[in-house]
Each structure stands twice: as C-alpha cells, then as structure tokens.
Amino acid sequence: MRDMVVACAAGKSDGNVVLDLSEVEDKEGEADLPIALMPRTGEITLLQMDGHLTEEEFQKALDLAIGGCKKISEEQKKAIKNRYGD
C-alpha cells in the first residue's frame, strides 16, 4: 500500500475561512472546499470547490484542509497501531 487517502474540508462562513464546517456552515456558508490527500506524498486526489473565494482565501482554505488531513492521518495511524500493533 502506498498511502491511506484522507479527506477534510475547509470553507468560508460569516466572512471567515474555517476548517471542518458544521452542517449549518456548509449549507449557509459562502464556500466549501473539500479535499482528499495522500499524506506521504502530499498528492491531492480530490479537490472540489462550491462557492466563491478570493485567491488568498482559496490558499488559506487549502492550507487549512491539508493541515486537517495530516492530523487525521496521524490519528488513523495511531488507531491502526493500537488495534493491530506495529
């Protein structure tokens, strides 16, 4: 196995770029940027944007989502090691 794909979303709600939108923020917010990432290589396997972001907001949302994916990846690794060992 090369990597485990992880996914996370960032977006814009009430004028702020945030990570992990709530259901209300997602539906009523200004933009949503879900991504899927292979954390070892940094390769983005899915990128979708609904709504409107400036270039600066897009970069901030992308950076937040990538950071979220990396945190999720670490938690997945811990869970697998706890369940199945090294």
N, C-alpha and C. Protein backbone atom coordinates (compact mmCIF):
# COMPACT_ATOMS: atom_id res chain seq x y z
N MET A 1 0.85 -1.16 0.00
CA MET A 1 0.00 0.00 0.00
C MET A 1 0.90 1.23 0.00
N ARG A 2 0.63 2.15 -0.90
CA ARG A 2 1.43 3.38 -0.99
C ARG A 2 1.08 4.37 0.10
N ASP A 3 -0.20 4.52 0.38
CA ASP A 3 -0.65 5.54 1.32
C ASP A 3 -2.12 5.31 1.64
N MET A 4 -2.59 5.98 2.68
CA MET A 4 -4.02 5.96 3.00
C MET A 4 -4.58 7.33 2.63
N VAL A 5 -5.63 7.35 1.86
CA VAL A 5 -6.24 8.61 1.47
C VAL A 5 -7.05 9.14 2.66
N VAL A 6 -6.87 10.42 2.94
CA VAL A 6 -7.64 11.09 3.99
C VAL A 6 -8.35 12.28 3.37
N ALA A 7 -9.43 12.72 4.01
CA ALA A 7 -10.18 13.84 3.46
C ALA A 7 -10.58 14.81 4.56
N CYS A 8 -10.71 16.05 4.17
CA CYS A 8 -11.08 17.12 5.09
C CYS A 8 -11.65 18.25 4.25
N ALA A 9 -12.36 19.15 4.89
CA ALA A 9 -12.91 20.29 4.16
C ALA A 9 -12.69 21.58 4.95
N ALA A 10 -12.50 22.62 4.22
CA ALA A 10 -12.46 23.98 4.77
C ALA A 10 -13.46 24.79 3.97
N GLY A 11 -13.74 25.97 4.42
CA GLY A 11 -14.68 26.80 3.68
C GLY A 11 -14.79 28.17 4.29
N LYS A 12 -15.75 28.90 3.82
CA LYS A 12 -15.95 30.27 4.27
C LYS A 12 -17.36 30.42 4.81
N SER A 13 -17.45 30.92 6.03
CA SER A 13 -18.74 31.13 6.67
C SER A 13 -18.66 32.43 7.47
N ASP A 14 -19.65 33.26 7.33
CA ASP A 14 -19.68 34.56 8.02
C ASP A 14 -18.42 35.38 7.74
N GLY A 15 -17.89 35.26 6.54
CA GLY A 15 -16.72 36.03 6.14
C GLY A 15 -15.40 35.48 6.62
N ASN A 16 -15.41 34.33 7.32
CA ASN A 16 -14.18 33.74 7.84
C ASN A 16 -13.89 32.40 7.17
N VAL A 17 -12.63 32.17 6.87
CA VAL A 17 -12.20 30.88 6.33
C VAL A 17 -11.95 29.96 7.53
N VAL A 18 -12.63 28.82 7.54
CA VAL A 18 -12.58 27.91 8.68
C VAL A 18 -12.37 26.47 8.22
N LEU A 19 -11.88 25.65 9.14
CA LEU A 19 -11.69 24.22 8.90
C LEU A 19 -12.87 23.46 9.45
N ASP A 20 -13.27 22.41 8.77
CA ASP A 20 -14.30 21.48 9.24
C ASP A 20 -15.63 22.18 9.51
N LEU A 21 -16.24 22.62 8.45
CA LEU A 21 -17.52 23.32 8.55
C LEU A 21 -18.59 22.45 9.20
N SER A 22 -19.42 23.08 10.02
CA SER A 22 -20.59 22.38 10.55
C SER A 22 -21.62 22.23 9.42
N GLU A 23 -22.66 21.48 9.66
CA GLU A 23 -23.69 21.30 8.64
C GLU A 23 -24.33 22.63 8.26
N VAL A 24 -24.61 23.46 9.26
CA VAL A 24 -25.21 24.77 9.01
C VAL A 24 -24.25 25.66 8.23
N GLU A 25 -22.97 25.68 8.65
CA GLU A 25 -21.97 26.50 7.95
C GLU A 25 -21.82 26.03 6.50
N ASP A 26 -21.88 24.73 6.30
CA ASP A 26 -21.75 24.17 4.96
C ASP A 26 -22.92 24.60 4.07
N LYS A 27 -24.12 24.50 4.60
CA LYS A 27 -25.31 24.81 3.80
C LYS A 27 -25.52 26.31 3.61
N GLU A 28 -25.21 27.09 4.64
CA GLU A 28 -25.49 28.52 4.59
C GLU A 28 -24.24 29.37 4.36
N GLY A 29 -23.08 28.72 4.32
CA GLY A 29 -21.83 29.45 4.16
C GLY A 29 -21.62 29.94 2.74
N GLU A 30 -20.49 30.60 2.56
CA GLU A 30 -20.19 31.23 1.28
C GLU A 30 -19.38 30.33 0.34
N ALA A 31 -18.67 29.36 0.91
CA ALA A 31 -17.86 28.46 0.08
C ALA A 31 -17.51 27.21 0.86
N ASP A 32 -17.23 26.15 0.12
CA ASP A 32 -16.86 24.86 0.70
C ASP A 32 -15.76 24.27 -0.17
N LEU A 33 -14.68 23.81 0.45
CA LEU A 33 -13.53 23.28 -0.29
C LEU A 33 -13.11 21.93 0.30
N PRO A 34 -13.78 20.83 -0.10
CA PRO A 34 -13.33 19.52 0.35
C PRO A 34 -12.14 19.04 -0.48
N ILE A 35 -11.21 18.38 0.20
CA ILE A 35 -10.09 17.77 -0.50
C ILE A 35 -9.85 16.37 0.04
N ALA A 36 -9.23 15.53 -0.77
CA ALA A 36 -8.71 14.24 -0.34
C ALA A 36 -7.23 14.26 -0.67
N LEU A 37 -6.43 13.67 0.22
CA LEU A 37 -4.98 13.80 0.13
C LEU A 37 -4.30 12.49 0.49
N MET A 38 -3.21 12.19 -0.18
CA MET A 38 -2.32 11.10 0.22
C MET A 38 -1.18 11.76 1.00
N PRO A 39 -1.19 11.67 2.35
CA PRO A 39 -0.29 12.46 3.17
C PRO A 39 1.20 12.18 2.98
N ARG A 40 1.59 10.98 2.66
CA ARG A 40 3.02 10.69 2.47
C ARG A 40 3.61 11.47 1.31
N THR A 41 2.86 11.55 0.23
CA THR A 41 3.37 12.22 -0.97
C THR A 41 2.85 13.66 -1.09
N GLY A 42 1.79 13.99 -0.35
CA GLY A 42 1.18 15.30 -0.48
C GLY A 42 0.31 15.44 -1.72
N GLU A 43 0.10 14.32 -2.41
CA GLU A 43 -0.69 14.34 -3.64
C GLU A 43 -2.18 14.53 -3.33
N ILE A 44 -2.77 15.53 -3.93
CA ILE A 44 -4.20 15.77 -3.78
C ILE A 44 -4.93 14.91 -4.80
N THR A 45 -5.83 14.06 -4.30
CA THR A 45 -6.56 13.14 -5.18
C THR A 45 -7.97 13.63 -5.48
N LEU A 46 -8.44 14.62 -4.71
CA LEU A 46 -9.75 15.23 -4.95
C LEU A 46 -9.68 16.67 -4.48
N LEU A 47 -10.17 17.57 -5.28
CA LEU A 47 -10.30 18.96 -4.88
C LEU A 47 -11.56 19.48 -5.55
N GLN A 48 -12.46 19.98 -4.73
CA GLN A 48 -13.73 20.48 -5.26
C GLN A 48 -14.05 21.78 -4.53
N MET A 49 -14.57 22.76 -5.23
CA MET A 49 -14.96 23.99 -4.56
C MET A 49 -16.35 24.39 -5.00
N ASP A 50 -17.18 24.65 -4.00
CA ASP A 50 -18.51 25.18 -4.23
C ASP A 50 -18.54 26.56 -3.60
N GLY A 51 -18.94 27.56 -4.34
CA GLY A 51 -18.99 28.91 -3.82
C GLY A 51 -17.88 29.76 -4.41
N HIS A 52 -17.63 30.88 -3.75
CA HIS A 52 -16.64 31.83 -4.26
C HIS A 52 -15.63 32.19 -3.18
N LEU A 53 -14.36 32.11 -3.53
CA LEU A 53 -13.26 32.52 -2.66
C LEU A 53 -12.30 33.37 -3.47
N THR A 54 -11.69 34.36 -2.81
CA THR A 54 -10.62 35.08 -3.48
C THR A 54 -9.41 34.14 -3.56
N GLU A 55 -8.40 34.52 -4.31
CA GLU A 55 -7.20 33.70 -4.41
C GLU A 55 -6.57 33.50 -3.03
N GLU A 56 -6.53 34.57 -2.24
CA GLU A 56 -5.95 34.49 -0.90
C GLU A 56 -6.79 33.58 0.01
N GLU A 57 -8.11 33.70 -0.06
CA GLU A 57 -8.98 32.84 0.73
C GLU A 57 -8.87 31.39 0.30
N PHE A 58 -8.77 31.17 -1.01
CA PHE A 58 -8.60 29.80 -1.51
C PHE A 58 -7.33 29.18 -0.95
N GLN A 59 -6.22 29.91 -0.98
CA GLN A 59 -4.96 29.38 -0.47
C GLN A 59 -5.04 29.08 1.02
N LYS A 60 -5.69 29.97 1.77
CA LYS A 60 -5.85 29.75 3.21
C LYS A 60 -6.71 28.52 3.47
N ALA A 61 -7.82 28.38 2.74
CA ALA A 61 -8.69 27.21 2.90
C ALA A 61 -7.95 25.93 2.52
N LEU A 62 -7.20 25.97 1.44
CA LEU A 62 -6.44 24.79 1.02
C LEU A 62 -5.41 24.41 2.08
N ASP A 63 -4.69 25.39 2.61
CA ASP A 63 -3.69 25.11 3.65
C ASP A 63 -4.35 24.52 4.90
N LEU A 64 -5.50 25.07 5.30
CA LEU A 64 -6.23 24.53 6.45
C LEU A 64 -6.66 23.09 6.20
N ALA A 65 -7.21 22.82 5.02
CA ALA A 65 -7.69 21.47 4.71
C ALA A 65 -6.53 20.47 4.66
N ILE A 66 -5.41 20.87 4.09
CA ILE A 66 -4.23 19.98 4.06
C ILE A 66 -3.76 19.70 5.47
N GLY A 67 -3.70 20.73 6.30
CA GLY A 67 -3.31 20.54 7.70
C GLY A 67 -4.26 19.61 8.42
N GLY A 68 -5.56 19.77 8.16
CA GLY A 68 -6.56 18.88 8.76
C GLY A 68 -6.37 17.44 8.31
N CYS A 69 -6.08 17.25 7.03
CA CYS A 69 -5.84 15.90 6.50
C CYS A 69 -4.63 15.26 7.18
N LYS A 70 -3.59 16.03 7.40
CA LYS A 70 -2.39 15.49 8.04
C LYS A 70 -2.67 15.07 9.49
N LYS A 71 -3.49 15.85 10.19
CA LYS A 71 -3.86 15.49 11.56
C LYS A 71 -4.71 14.22 11.57
N ILE A 72 -5.65 14.14 10.65
CA ILE A 72 -6.50 12.95 10.55
C ILE A 72 -5.64 11.73 10.24
N SER A 73 -4.67 11.88 9.36
CA SER A 73 -3.79 10.78 9.01
C SER A 73 -3.04 10.25 10.23
N GLU A 74 -2.54 11.16 11.06
CA GLU A 74 -1.82 10.74 12.26
C GLU A 74 -2.74 9.97 13.21
N GLU A 75 -3.97 10.43 13.35
CA GLU A 75 -4.93 9.73 14.21
C GLU A 75 -5.30 8.36 13.63
N GLN A 76 -5.41 8.26 12.31
CA GLN A 76 -5.68 6.96 11.68
C GLN A 76 -4.54 5.98 11.96
N LYS A 77 -3.31 6.46 11.82
CA LYS A 77 -2.15 5.60 12.08
C LYS A 77 -2.15 5.10 13.52
N LYS A 78 -2.42 5.99 14.46
CA LYS A 78 -2.47 5.62 15.87
C LYS A 78 -3.54 4.55 16.10
N ALA A 79 -4.72 4.75 15.52
CA ALA A 79 -5.82 3.81 15.70
C ALA A 79 -5.47 2.43 15.14
N ILE A 80 -4.84 2.41 13.98
CA ILE A 80 -4.46 1.13 13.36
C ILE A 80 -3.39 0.45 14.19
N LYS A 81 -2.39 1.20 14.66
CA LYS A 81 -1.34 0.62 15.51
C LYS A 81 -1.92 0.10 16.82
N ASN A 82 -2.85 0.85 17.41
CA ASN A 82 -3.47 0.39 18.66
C ASN A 82 -4.26 -0.89 18.44
N ARG A 83 -4.90 -1.00 17.30
CA ARG A 83 -5.74 -2.18 17.02
C ARG A 83 -4.92 -3.39 16.58
N TYR A 84 -3.94 -3.14 15.70
CA TYR A 84 -3.22 -4.26 15.09
C TYR A 84 -1.74 -4.34 15.46
N GLY A 85 -1.22 -3.38 16.20
CA GLY A 85 0.19 -3.36 16.57
C GLY A 85 1.05 -2.82 15.45
N ASP A 86 2.33 -2.76 15.71
CA ASP A 86 3.28 -2.23 14.73
C ASP A 86 3.43 -3.19 13.59
